[in-house]
């Protein structure tokens, strides 16, 4: 007995009012969409495990690069490479790639479900997964390029700061110019990371909803979409960053003040704080993904192009 399927319909350019969305409208609509099925199920089955994975990955990385394990300066003030075995380095690289794969699948699932609901389509969790499986590879390529850019910038920053610190130790006469450089580097890094975060968020949606635009092509498309939307993008990025910072504060206090040892991991106070922060953080991350999917729709609606958004995989899925 054959399975009855609906004739696929196009994901057209969003209505005119979508182009008039401001940052607060996008966030408010994202919160409302997050309560619609199947997004709550996606939260607990995909977003939450992904957040837990990222949390332990960060803890592992911080423990490896803690001051007690890694010293970038020798006793004579010379720059030295962090002492790290090949096994640890390979593990970090593999975990980073797995993290990109998982986040691509999660991001695609949330964005696909959010846009489907916004277009008035009802769908189940299994339908979302079936639709996203052909998409995540292209989202992965786009996200991986941005992650590599982030890693390169972080590596260059670490090298420059280490070299500047060594130069101060060996040549105190030029301390003030070098100190100025050390103050400027974090500011430049923050600007670059903000731009990369915005571009990655929009490019991921481009890769999800536009047939040929992924990887480098997705970034070209993103550049066009953000031509008139940079202020809104920076505002949205900043507003979405605030709750995550607030959530990280109690976690940081737990690790700094409690100084947990392995036998203290099961004490109620730190465990409850961490569980609460991870769950709330997962919900905020899902809302962020929804916000950027809606922001993408607003960018398309406000663009000068009147072409219709289409993607073969989404057409087959019925959007």
C-alpha atoms as a PDB file:
ATOM      1  CA  UNK A   1       0.000   0.000   0.000  1.00  0.00           C
ATOM      2  CA  UNK A   2       1.562   3.280  -1.106  1.00  0.00           C
ATOM      3  CA  UNK A   3       2.112   6.191   1.190  1.00  0.00           C
ATOM      4  CA  UNK A   4       0.089   9.255   0.293  1.00  0.00           C
ATOM      5  CA  UNK A   5       2.212  12.373   0.044  1.00  0.00           C
ATOM      6  CA  UNK A   6       1.297  15.980  -0.490  1.00  0.00           C
ATOM      7  CA  UNK A   7       2.407  17.740  -3.623  1.00  0.00           C
ATOM      8  CA  UNK A   8       5.456  19.763  -2.712  1.00  0.00           C
ATOM      9  CA  UNK A   9       4.904  23.492  -2.554  1.00  0.00           C
ATOM     10  CA  UNK A  10       7.505  26.205  -2.854  1.00  0.00           C
ATOM     11  CA  UNK A  11       9.065  28.021   0.018  1.00  0.00           C
ATOM     12  CA  UNK A  12       8.452  31.433  -1.496  1.00  0.00           C
ATOM     13  CA  UNK A  13       9.735  34.820  -0.439  1.00  0.00           C
ATOM     14  CA  UNK A  14       8.164  35.593   2.953  1.00  0.00           C
ATOM     15  CA  UNK A  15       5.309  38.115   3.101  1.00  0.00           C
ATOM     16  CA  UNK A  16       6.075  41.816   3.074  1.00  0.00           C
ATOM     17  CA  UNK A  17       5.560  42.199   6.815  1.00  0.00           C
ATOM     18  CA  UNK A  18       8.460  39.818   7.462  1.00  0.00           C
ATOM     19  CA  UNK A  19      10.826  42.396   5.957  1.00  0.00           C
ATOM     20  CA  UNK A  20       9.654  44.872   8.595  1.00  0.00           C
ATOM     21  CA  UNK A  21      10.593  42.651  11.527  1.00  0.00           C
ATOM     22  CA  UNK A  22      12.890  44.272  14.046  1.00  0.00           C
ATOM     23  CA  UNK A  23      15.207  42.482  16.445  1.00  0.00           C
ATOM     24  CA  UNK A  24      12.677  42.372  19.284  1.00  0.00           C
ATOM     25  CA  UNK A  25       9.944  41.018  17.009  1.00  0.00           C
ATOM     26  CA  UNK A  26      12.253  38.226  15.874  1.00  0.00           C
ATOM     27  CA  UNK A  27      13.150  37.285  19.456  1.00  0.00           C
ATOM     28  CA  UNK A  28       9.513  37.361  20.580  1.00  0.00           C
ATOM     29  CA  UNK A  29       8.382  35.221  17.648  1.00  0.00           C
ATOM     30  CA  UNK A  30      11.268  32.824  18.313  1.00  0.00           C
ATOM     31  CA  UNK A  31      10.105  32.309  21.899  1.00  0.00           C
ATOM     32  CA  UNK A  32       6.565  31.634  20.672  1.00  0.00           C
ATOM     33  CA  UNK A  33       7.754  29.196  18.011  1.00  0.00           C
ATOM     34  CA  UNK A  34       9.933  27.348  20.538  1.00  0.00           C
ATOM     35  CA  UNK A  35       6.758  26.184  22.306  1.00  0.00           C
ATOM     36  CA  UNK A  36       5.249  24.717  19.148  1.00  0.00           C
ATOM     37  CA  UNK A  37       5.595  21.017  18.361  1.00  0.00           C
ATOM     38  CA  UNK A  38       8.033  19.429  17.565  1.00  0.00           C
ATOM     39  CA  UNK A  39      10.527  22.034  18.855  1.00  0.00           C
ATOM     40  CA  UNK A  40      10.164  21.078  22.567  1.00  0.00           C
ATOM     41  CA  UNK A  41      10.957  17.463  21.614  1.00  0.00           C
ATOM     42  CA  UNK A  42      13.923  18.649  19.532  1.00  0.00           C
ATOM     43  CA  UNK A  43      15.123  20.608  22.567  1.00  0.00           C
ATOM     44  CA  UNK A  44      15.347  17.570  24.851  1.00  0.00           C
ATOM     45  CA  UNK A  45      16.356  14.980  22.247  1.00  0.00           C
ATOM     46  CA  UNK A  46      18.926  16.979  20.235  1.00  0.00           C
ATOM     47  CA  UNK A  47      19.786  20.396  21.669  1.00  0.00           C
ATOM     48  CA  UNK A  48      20.220  19.295  25.291  1.00  0.00           C
ATOM     49  CA  UNK A  49      22.559  16.334  24.513  1.00  0.00           C
ATOM     50  CA  UNK A  50      24.542  18.595  22.181  1.00  0.00           C
ATOM     51  CA  UNK A  51      24.906  21.195  24.945  1.00  0.00           C
ATOM     52  CA  UNK A  52      26.009  18.540  27.455  1.00  0.00           C
ATOM     53  CA  UNK A  53      28.600  17.293  24.951  1.00  0.00           C
ATOM     54  CA  UNK A  54      29.886  20.843  24.407  1.00  0.00           C
ATOM     55  CA  UNK A  55      29.972  21.467  28.162  1.00  0.00           C
ATOM     56  CA  UNK A  56      32.191  18.471  28.899  1.00  0.00           C
ATOM     57  CA  UNK A  57      34.319  19.251  25.856  1.00  0.00           C
ATOM     58  CA  UNK A  58      34.971  22.753  27.206  1.00  0.00           C
ATOM     59  CA  UNK A  59      35.769  21.362  30.665  1.00  0.00           C
ATOM     60  CA  UNK A  60      38.218  18.888  29.141  1.00  0.00           C
ATOM     61  CA  UNK A  61      39.906  21.581  27.035  1.00  0.00           C
ATOM     62  CA  UNK A  62      40.212  23.939  30.000  1.00  0.00           C
ATOM     63  CA  UNK A  63      41.735  21.182  32.115  1.00  0.00           C
ATOM     64  CA  UNK A  64      44.297  20.430  29.394  1.00  0.00           C
ATOM     65  CA  UNK A  65      45.225  24.086  28.928  1.00  0.00           C
ATOM     66  CA  UNK A  66      45.080  25.022  32.609  1.00  0.00           C
ATOM     67  CA  UNK A  67      48.053  27.015  33.958  1.00  0.00           C
ATOM     68  CA  UNK A  68      49.225  24.009  35.923  1.00  0.00           C
ATOM     69  CA  UNK A  69      49.463  21.844  32.807  1.00  0.00           C
ATOM     70  CA  UNK A  70      50.557  24.309  30.132  1.00  0.00           C
ATOM     71  CA  UNK A  71      53.011  27.157  30.374  1.00  0.00           C
ATOM     72  CA  UNK A  72      53.610  29.329  27.312  1.00  0.00           C
ATOM     73  CA  UNK A  73      56.601  31.074  28.854  1.00  0.00           C
ATOM     74  CA  UNK A  74      59.732  29.457  30.138  1.00  0.00           C
ATOM     75  CA  UNK A  75      61.603  30.684  33.194  1.00  0.00           C
ATOM     76  CA  UNK A  76      63.769  32.835  30.927  1.00  0.00           C
ATOM     77  CA  UNK A  77      60.790  34.531  29.303  1.00  0.00           C
ATOM     78  CA  UNK A  78      61.084  32.628  26.032  1.00  0.00           C
ATOM     79  CA  UNK A  79      58.008  31.461  24.167  1.00  0.00           C
ATOM     80  CA  UNK A  80      57.591  27.713  24.206  1.00  0.00           C
ATOM     81  CA  UNK A  81      54.965  25.477  22.658  1.00  0.00           C
ATOM     82  CA  UNK A  82      52.405  23.865  24.969  1.00  0.00           C
ATOM     83  CA  UNK A  83      53.507  20.387  25.962  1.00  0.00           C
ATOM     84  CA  UNK A  84      50.859  18.095  24.517  1.00  0.00           C
ATOM     85  CA  UNK A  85      51.007  14.510  23.333  1.00  0.00           C
ATOM     86  CA  UNK A  86      49.862  13.534  19.856  1.00  0.00           C
ATOM     87  CA  UNK A  87      47.055  11.460  21.384  1.00  0.00           C
ATOM     88  CA  UNK A  88      45.619  14.445  23.252  1.00  0.00           C
ATOM     89  CA  UNK A  89      45.917  16.676  20.184  1.00  0.00           C
ATOM     90  CA  UNK A  90      44.241  14.075  17.958  1.00  0.00           C
ATOM     91  CA  UNK A  91      41.474  13.634  20.534  1.00  0.00           C
ATOM     92  CA  UNK A  92      40.814  17.382  20.620  1.00  0.00           C
ATOM     93  CA  UNK A  93      40.685  17.572  16.819  1.00  0.00           C
ATOM     94  CA  UNK A  94      38.317  14.595  16.546  1.00  0.00           C
ATOM     95  CA  UNK A  95      36.076  15.992  19.280  1.00  0.00           C
ATOM     96  CA  UNK A  96      36.013  19.379  17.550  1.00  0.00           C
ATOM     97  CA  UNK A  97      34.953  17.799  14.240  1.00  0.00           C
ATOM     98  CA  UNK A  98      32.299  15.682  15.961  1.00  0.00           C
ATOM     99  CA  UNK A  99      31.063  18.835  17.683  1.00  0.00           C
ATOM    100  CA  UNK A 100      30.662  20.576  14.312  1.00  0.00           C
ATOM    101  CA  UNK A 101      28.790  17.558  12.896  1.00  0.00           C
ATOM    102  CA  UNK A 102      26.424  17.407  15.873  1.00  0.00           C
ATOM    103  CA  UNK A 103      25.822  21.165  15.934  1.00  0.00           C
ATOM    104  CA  UNK A 104      25.113  21.115  12.171  1.00  0.00           C
ATOM    105  CA  UNK A 105      22.464  18.428  12.630  1.00  0.00           C
ATOM    106  CA  UNK A 106      20.920  20.256  15.588  1.00  0.00           C
ATOM    107  CA  UNK A 107      20.968  23.652  13.879  1.00  0.00           C
ATOM    108  CA  UNK A 108      19.430  22.233  10.709  1.00  0.00           C
ATOM    109  CA  UNK A 109      16.678  20.472  12.671  1.00  0.00           C
ATOM    110  CA  UNK A 110      15.735  23.566  14.651  1.00  0.00           C
ATOM    111  CA  UNK A 111      15.870  25.899  11.637  1.00  0.00           C
ATOM    112  CA  UNK A 112      13.884  23.520   9.432  1.00  0.00           C
ATOM    113  CA  UNK A 113      11.196  22.983  12.077  1.00  0.00           C
ATOM    114  CA  UNK A 114      10.955  26.706  12.897  1.00  0.00           C
ATOM    115  CA  UNK A 115      10.576  27.784   9.265  1.00  0.00           C
ATOM    116  CA  UNK A 116       8.083  24.968   8.601  1.00  0.00           C
ATOM    117  CA  UNK A 117       5.942  26.094  11.529  1.00  0.00           C
ATOM    118  CA  UNK A 118       6.269  29.714  10.400  1.00  0.00           C
ATOM    119  CA  UNK A 119       5.016  28.677   6.939  1.00  0.00           C
ATOM    120  CA  UNK A 120       1.987  27.028   8.553  1.00  0.00           C
ATOM    121  CA  UNK A 121       3.064  23.405   8.134  1.00  0.00           C
ATOM    122  CA  UNK A 122       2.487  20.780  10.824  1.00  0.00           C
ATOM    123  CA  UNK A 123       5.159  18.119  11.079  1.00  0.00           C
ATOM    124  CA  UNK A 124       6.464  15.488  13.454  1.00  0.00           C
ATOM    125  CA  UNK A 125       9.903  14.954  14.927  1.00  0.00           C
ATOM    126  CA  UNK A 126      10.599  12.023  12.589  1.00  0.00           C
ATOM    127  CA  UNK A 127       9.653  14.147   9.567  1.00  0.00           C
ATOM    128  CA  UNK A 128      12.130  16.805  10.661  1.00  0.00           C
ATOM    129  CA  UNK A 129      14.937  14.262  10.988  1.00  0.00           C
ATOM    130  CA  UNK A 130      14.185  12.710   7.587  1.00  0.00           C
ATOM    131  CA  UNK A 131      14.182  16.137   5.963  1.00  0.00           C
ATOM    132  CA  UNK A 132      17.370  17.350   7.660  1.00  0.00           C
ATOM    133  CA  UNK A 133      19.558  14.289   7.023  1.00  0.00           C
ATOM    134  CA  UNK A 134      20.181  15.308   3.373  1.00  0.00           C
ATOM    135  CA  UNK A 135      20.904  18.886   4.499  1.00  0.00           C
ATOM    136  CA  UNK A 136      23.336  18.571   7.380  1.00  0.00           C
ATOM    137  CA  UNK A 137      26.372  17.814   5.193  1.00  0.00           C
ATOM    138  CA  UNK A 138      26.109  21.182   3.480  1.00  0.00           C
ATOM    139  CA  UNK A 139      25.500  22.941   6.787  1.00  0.00           C
ATOM    140  CA  UNK A 140      28.540  21.077   8.128  1.00  0.00           C
ATOM    141  CA  UNK A 141      30.789  22.376   5.318  1.00  0.00           C
ATOM    142  CA  UNK A 142      29.638  25.954   5.933  1.00  0.00           C
ATOM    143  CA  UNK A 143      29.976  25.707   9.714  1.00  0.00           C
ATOM    144  CA  UNK A 144      33.372  24.010   9.506  1.00  0.00           C
ATOM    145  CA  UNK A 145      34.804  26.888   7.462  1.00  0.00           C
ATOM    146  CA  UNK A 146      33.701  29.363  10.140  1.00  0.00           C
ATOM    147  CA  UNK A 147      35.018  27.166  12.952  1.00  0.00           C
ATOM    148  CA  UNK A 148      38.403  26.895  11.245  1.00  0.00           C
ATOM    149  CA  UNK A 149      38.478  30.693  10.925  1.00  0.00           C
ATOM    150  CA  UNK A 150      37.706  30.973  14.642  1.00  0.00           C
ATOM    151  CA  UNK A 151      40.448  28.493  15.559  1.00  0.00           C
ATOM    152  CA  UNK A 152      42.989  30.288  13.351  1.00  0.00           C
ATOM    153  CA  UNK A 153      42.171  33.673  14.888  1.00  0.00           C
ATOM    154  CA  UNK A 154      42.382  32.231  18.405  1.00  0.00           C
ATOM    155  CA  UNK A 155      45.731  30.594  17.587  1.00  0.00           C
ATOM    156  CA  UNK A 156      47.174  33.801  16.126  1.00  0.00           C
ATOM    157  CA  UNK A 157      45.956  35.751  19.151  1.00  0.00           C
ATOM    158  CA  UNK A 158      47.575  33.246  21.526  1.00  0.00           C
ATOM    159  CA  UNK A 159      50.883  33.416  19.655  1.00  0.00           C
ATOM    160  CA  UNK A 160      50.895  37.241  19.540  1.00  0.00           C
ATOM    161  CA  UNK A 161      50.021  37.594  23.231  1.00  0.00           C
ATOM    162  CA  UNK A 162      52.667  35.035  24.208  1.00  0.00           C
ATOM    163  CA  UNK A 163      55.308  36.754  22.064  1.00  0.00           C
ATOM    164  CA  UNK A 164      54.361  40.176  23.453  1.00  0.00           C
ATOM    165  CA  UNK A 165      54.558  38.878  27.030  1.00  0.00           C
ATOM    166  CA  UNK A 166      57.989  37.426  26.343  1.00  0.00           C
ATOM    167  CA  UNK A 167      59.091  40.722  24.760  1.00  0.00           C
ATOM    168  CA  UNK A 168      57.991  42.654  27.851  1.00  0.00           C
ATOM    169  CA  UNK A 169      59.987  40.281  30.054  1.00  0.00           C
ATOM    170  CA  UNK A 170      63.127  40.703  27.935  1.00  0.00           C
ATOM    171  CA  UNK A 171      62.784  44.405  26.946  1.00  0.00           C
ATOM    172  CA  UNK A 172      61.031  46.394  29.687  1.00  0.00           C
ATOM    173  CA  UNK A 173      61.907  49.706  27.959  1.00  0.00           C
ATOM    174  CA  UNK A 174      59.220  49.059  25.329  1.00  0.00           C
ATOM    175  CA  UNK A 175      56.642  47.847  27.810  1.00  0.00           C
ATOM    176  CA  UNK A 176      53.984  50.537  27.168  1.00  0.00           C
ATOM    177  CA  UNK A 177      53.730  50.086  23.354  1.00  0.00           C
ATOM    178  CA  UNK A 178      53.511  46.344  23.823  1.00  0.00           C
ATOM    179  CA  UNK A 179      50.905  46.765  26.568  1.00  0.00           C
ATOM    180  CA  UNK A 180      48.855  48.861  24.132  1.00  0.00           C
ATOM    181  CA  UNK A 181      49.028  46.026  21.622  1.00  0.00           C
ATOM    182  CA  UNK A 182      47.918  43.568  24.299  1.00  0.00           C
ATOM    183  CA  UNK A 183      44.900  45.782  25.028  1.00  0.00           C
ATOM    184  CA  UNK A 184      43.966  46.192  21.367  1.00  0.00           C
ATOM    185  CA  UNK A 185      44.201  42.492  20.475  1.00  0.00           C
ATOM    186  CA  UNK A 186      41.202  41.368  22.610  1.00  0.00           C
ATOM    187  CA  UNK A 187      39.074  44.191  21.172  1.00  0.00           C
ATOM    188  CA  UNK A 188      39.973  43.241  17.604  1.00  0.00           C
ATOM    189  CA  UNK A 189      39.379  39.591  18.452  1.00  0.00           C
ATOM    190  CA  UNK A 190      35.933  40.392  19.886  1.00  0.00           C
ATOM    191  CA  UNK A 191      34.967  42.295  16.716  1.00  0.00           C
ATOM    192  CA  UNK A 192      36.201  39.490  14.465  1.00  0.00           C
ATOM    193  CA  UNK A 193      34.470  36.785  16.510  1.00  0.00           C
ATOM    194  CA  UNK A 194      31.216  38.777  16.440  1.00  0.00           C
ATOM    195  CA  UNK A 195      31.399  39.101  12.656  1.00  0.00           C
ATOM    196  CA  UNK A 196      32.219  35.407  12.253  1.00  0.00           C
ATOM    197  CA  UNK A 197      29.365  34.433  14.579  1.00  0.00           C
ATOM    198  CA  UNK A 198      26.863  36.522  12.607  1.00  0.00           C
ATOM    199  CA  UNK A 199      28.078  35.314   9.221  1.00  0.00           C
ATOM    200  CA  UNK A 200      28.072  31.687  10.372  1.00  0.00           C
ATOM    201  CA  UNK A 201      24.524  31.954  11.754  1.00  0.00           C
ATOM    202  CA  UNK A 202      23.099  33.438   8.548  1.00  0.00           C
ATOM    203  CA  UNK A 203      25.217  31.257   6.239  1.00  0.00           C
ATOM    204  CA  UNK A 204      23.985  28.115   8.011  1.00  0.00           C
ATOM    205  CA  UNK A 205      20.390  29.082   7.209  1.00  0.00           C
ATOM    206  CA  UNK A 206      21.410  29.862   3.634  1.00  0.00           C
ATOM    207  CA  UNK A 207      22.935  26.379   3.348  1.00  0.00           C
ATOM    208  CA  UNK A 208      19.777  24.858   4.769  1.00  0.00           C
ATOM    209  CA  UNK A 209      17.241  26.611   2.547  1.00  0.00           C
ATOM    210  CA  UNK A 210      19.020  27.399  -0.721  1.00  0.00           C
ATOM    211  CA  UNK A 211      19.941  24.604  -3.085  1.00  0.00           C
ATOM    212  CA  UNK A 212      23.396  25.499  -4.395  1.00  0.00           C
ATOM    213  CA  UNK A 213      24.543  27.941  -1.727  1.00  0.00           C
ATOM    214  CA  UNK A 214      26.767  26.191   0.787  1.00  0.00           C
ATOM    215  CA  UNK A 215      30.388  26.572   1.771  1.00  0.00           C
ATOM    216  CA  UNK A 216      32.003  29.562   0.043  1.00  0.00           C
ATOM    217  CA  UNK A 217      28.847  30.205  -2.007  1.00  0.00           C
ATOM    218  CA  UNK A 218      26.847  30.508   1.218  1.00  0.00           C
ATOM    219  CA  UNK A 219      29.181  33.247   2.437  1.00  0.00           C
ATOM    220  CA  UNK A 220      28.791  35.162  -0.834  1.00  0.00           C
ATOM    221  CA  UNK A 221      25.025  34.927  -0.476  1.00  0.00           C
ATOM    222  CA  UNK A 222      25.266  35.960   3.182  1.00  0.00           C
ATOM    223  CA  UNK A 223      27.287  39.036   2.221  1.00  0.00           C
ATOM    224  CA  UNK A 224      24.444  40.135  -0.070  1.00  0.00           C
ATOM    225  CA  UNK A 225      21.757  39.453   2.524  1.00  0.00           C
ATOM    226  CA  UNK A 226      23.606  41.349   5.268  1.00  0.00           C
ATOM    227  CA  UNK A 227      24.270  44.384   3.059  1.00  0.00           C
ATOM    228  CA  UNK A 228      21.485  46.392   4.723  1.00  0.00           C
ATOM    229  CA  UNK A 229      21.154  44.317   7.874  1.00  0.00           C
ATOM    230  CA  UNK A 230      24.480  44.569   9.711  1.00  0.00           C
ATOM    231  CA  UNK A 231      23.145  46.838  12.463  1.00  0.00           C
ATOM    232  CA  UNK A 232      20.206  44.540  13.108  1.00  0.00           C
ATOM    233  CA  UNK A 233      22.503  41.504  13.011  1.00  0.00           C
ATOM    234  CA  UNK A 234      24.899  42.989  15.575  1.00  0.00           C
ATOM    235  CA  UNK A 235      21.960  43.975  17.786  1.00  0.00           C
ATOM    236  CA  UNK A 236      20.464  40.489  17.578  1.00  0.00           C
ATOM    237  CA  UNK A 237      23.829  38.841  18.239  1.00  0.00           C
ATOM    238  CA  UNK A 238      24.422  41.052  21.299  1.00  0.00           C
ATOM    239  CA  UNK A 239      20.961  40.520  22.768  1.00  0.00           C
ATOM    240  CA  UNK A 240      21.192  36.752  22.321  1.00  0.00           C
ATOM    241  CA  UNK A 241      24.615  36.701  23.955  1.00  0.00           C
ATOM    242  CA  UNK A 242      23.428  38.342  27.194  1.00  0.00           C
ATOM    243  CA  UNK A 243      21.362  35.402  28.572  1.00  0.00           C
ATOM    244  CA  UNK A 244      24.162  32.934  27.818  1.00  0.00           C
ATOM    245  CA  UNK A 245      26.622  35.079  29.770  1.00  0.00           C
ATOM    246  CA  UNK A 246      24.144  35.259  32.661  1.00  0.00           C
ATOM    247  CA  UNK A 247      23.786  31.460  32.606  1.00  0.00           C
ATOM    248  CA  UNK A 248      27.568  30.979  32.631  1.00  0.00           C
ATOM    249  CA  UNK A 249      28.040  33.137  35.753  1.00  0.00           C
ATOM    250  CA  UNK A 250      26.726  30.555  38.296  1.00  0.00           C
ATOM    251  CA  UNK A 251      28.675  27.772  36.556  1.00  0.00           C
ATOM    252  CA  UNK A 252      31.858  29.824  36.781  1.00  0.00           C
ATOM    253  CA  UNK A 253      31.162  30.528  40.461  1.00  0.00           C
ATOM    254  CA  UNK A 254      30.729  26.808  41.122  1.00  0.00           C
ATOM    255  CA  UNK A 255      34.084  25.950  39.580  1.00  0.00           C
ATOM    256  CA  UNK A 256      35.961  28.935  41.011  1.00  0.00           C
ATOM    257  CA  UNK A 257      34.588  29.045  44.538  1.00  0.00           C
ATOM    258  CA  UNK A 258      33.756  25.418  45.177  1.00  0.00           C
ATOM    259  CA  UNK A 259      36.963  24.120  43.555  1.00  0.00           C
ATOM    260  CA  UNK A 260      35.281  20.801  42.957  1.00  0.00           C
ATOM    261  CA  UNK A 261      37.165  17.580  43.442  1.00  0.00           C
ATOM    262  CA  UNK A 262      35.901  14.301  41.921  1.00  0.00           C
ATOM    263  CA  UNK A 263      34.247  13.242  45.178  1.00  0.00           C
ATOM    264  CA  UNK A 264      32.302  16.540  45.309  1.00  0.00           C
ATOM    265  CA  UNK A 265      30.648  16.132  41.907  1.00  0.00           C
ATOM    266  CA  UNK A 266      27.621  14.506  43.500  1.00  0.00           C
ATOM    267  CA  UNK A 267      26.985  17.153  46.131  1.00  0.00           C
ATOM    268  CA  UNK A 268      23.552  18.641  45.576  1.00  0.00           C
ATOM    269  CA  UNK A 269      24.363  22.344  45.267  1.00  0.00           C
ATOM    270  CA  UNK A 270      26.947  22.293  42.455  1.00  0.00           C
ATOM    271  CA  UNK A 271      25.142  19.515  40.587  1.00  0.00           C
ATOM    272  CA  UNK A 272      21.806  21.353  40.658  1.00  0.00           C
ATOM    273  CA  UNK A 273      23.447  24.595  39.554  1.00  0.00           C
ATOM    274  CA  UNK A 274      25.158  22.876  36.628  1.00  0.00           C
ATOM    275  CA  UNK A 275      22.040  20.917  35.582  1.00  0.00           C
ATOM    276  CA  UNK A 276      19.870  24.029  35.761  1.00  0.00           C
ATOM    277  CA  UNK A 277      22.390  26.064  33.765  1.00  0.00           C
ATOM    278  CA  UNK A 278      22.782  23.390  31.077  1.00  0.00           C
ATOM    279  CA  UNK A 279      19.010  22.933  30.630  1.00  0.00           C
ATOM    280  CA  UNK A 280      18.278  26.672  30.496  1.00  0.00           C
ATOM    281  CA  UNK A 281      21.325  27.196  28.299  1.00  0.00           C
ATOM    282  CA  UNK A 282      20.029  24.533  25.885  1.00  0.00           C
ATOM    283  CA  UNK A 283      16.697  26.319  25.610  1.00  0.00           C
ATOM    284  CA  UNK A 284      18.439  29.638  24.962  1.00  0.00           C
ATOM    285  CA  UNK A 285      20.587  28.009  22.268  1.00  0.00           C
ATOM    286  CA  UNK A 286      17.472  26.626  20.571  1.00  0.00           C
ATOM    287  CA  UNK A 287      15.866  30.078  20.666  1.00  0.00           C
ATOM    288  CA  UNK A 288      19.048  31.491  19.134  1.00  0.00           C
ATOM    289  CA  UNK A 289      18.855  29.038  16.232  1.00  0.00           C
ATOM    290  CA  UNK A 290      15.208  29.966  15.684  1.00  0.00           C
ATOM    291  CA  UNK A 291      16.060  33.680  15.807  1.00  0.00           C
ATOM    292  CA  UNK A 292      18.709  33.344  13.108  1.00  0.00           C
ATOM    293  CA  UNK A 293      16.365  31.309  10.889  1.00  0.00           C
ATOM    294  CA  UNK A 294      13.746  34.062  11.205  1.00  0.00           C
ATOM    295  CA  UNK A 295      16.407  36.717  10.683  1.00  0.00           C
ATOM    296  CA  UNK A 296      17.369  34.938   7.462  1.00  0.00           C
ATOM    297  CA  UNK A 297      13.744  35.132   6.296  1.00  0.00           C
ATOM    298  CA  UNK A 298      13.697  38.845   7.126  1.00  0.00           C
ATOM    299  CA  UNK A 299      16.919  39.388   5.165  1.00  0.00           C
ATOM    300  CA  UNK A 300      15.506  37.584   2.125  1.00  0.00           C
ATOM    301  CA  UNK A 301      12.245  39.516   2.301  1.00  0.00           C
ATOM    302  CA  UNK A 302      14.159  42.799   2.534  1.00  0.00           C
ATOM    303  CA  UNK A 303      16.679  41.982  -0.203  1.00  0.00           C
ATOM    304  CA  UNK A 304      16.584  43.578  -3.629  1.00  0.00           C
ATOM    305  CA  UNK A 305      16.162  40.191  -5.258  1.00  0.00           C
ATOM    306  CA  UNK A 306      12.652  39.005  -5.976  1.00  0.00           C
ATOM    307  CA  UNK A 307      13.720  35.460  -6.718  1.00  0.00           C
ATOM    308  CA  UNK A 308      12.042  32.617  -4.877  1.00  0.00           C
ATOM    309  CA  UNK A 309      13.940  30.659  -2.243  1.00  0.00           C
ATOM    310  CA  UNK A 310      14.015  27.021  -3.123  1.00  0.00           C
ATOM    311  CA  UNK A 311      15.859  23.903  -2.183  1.00  0.00           C
ATOM    312  CA  UNK A 312      15.306  20.472  -3.686  1.00  0.00           C
ATOM    313  CA  UNK A 313      15.438  18.641  -0.379  1.00  0.00           C
ATOM    314  CA  UNK A 314      12.925  21.013   1.184  1.00  0.00           C
ATOM    315  CA  UNK A 315      10.615  20.790  -1.810  1.00  0.00           C
ATOM    316  CA  UNK A 316      10.548  17.022  -1.498  1.00  0.00           C
ATOM    317  CA  UNK A 317       9.814  17.424   2.207  1.00  0.00           C
ATOM    318  CA  UNK A 318       6.717  19.462   1.379  1.00  0.00           C
ATOM    319  CA  UNK A 319       7.779  22.973   2.365  1.00  0.00           C
END
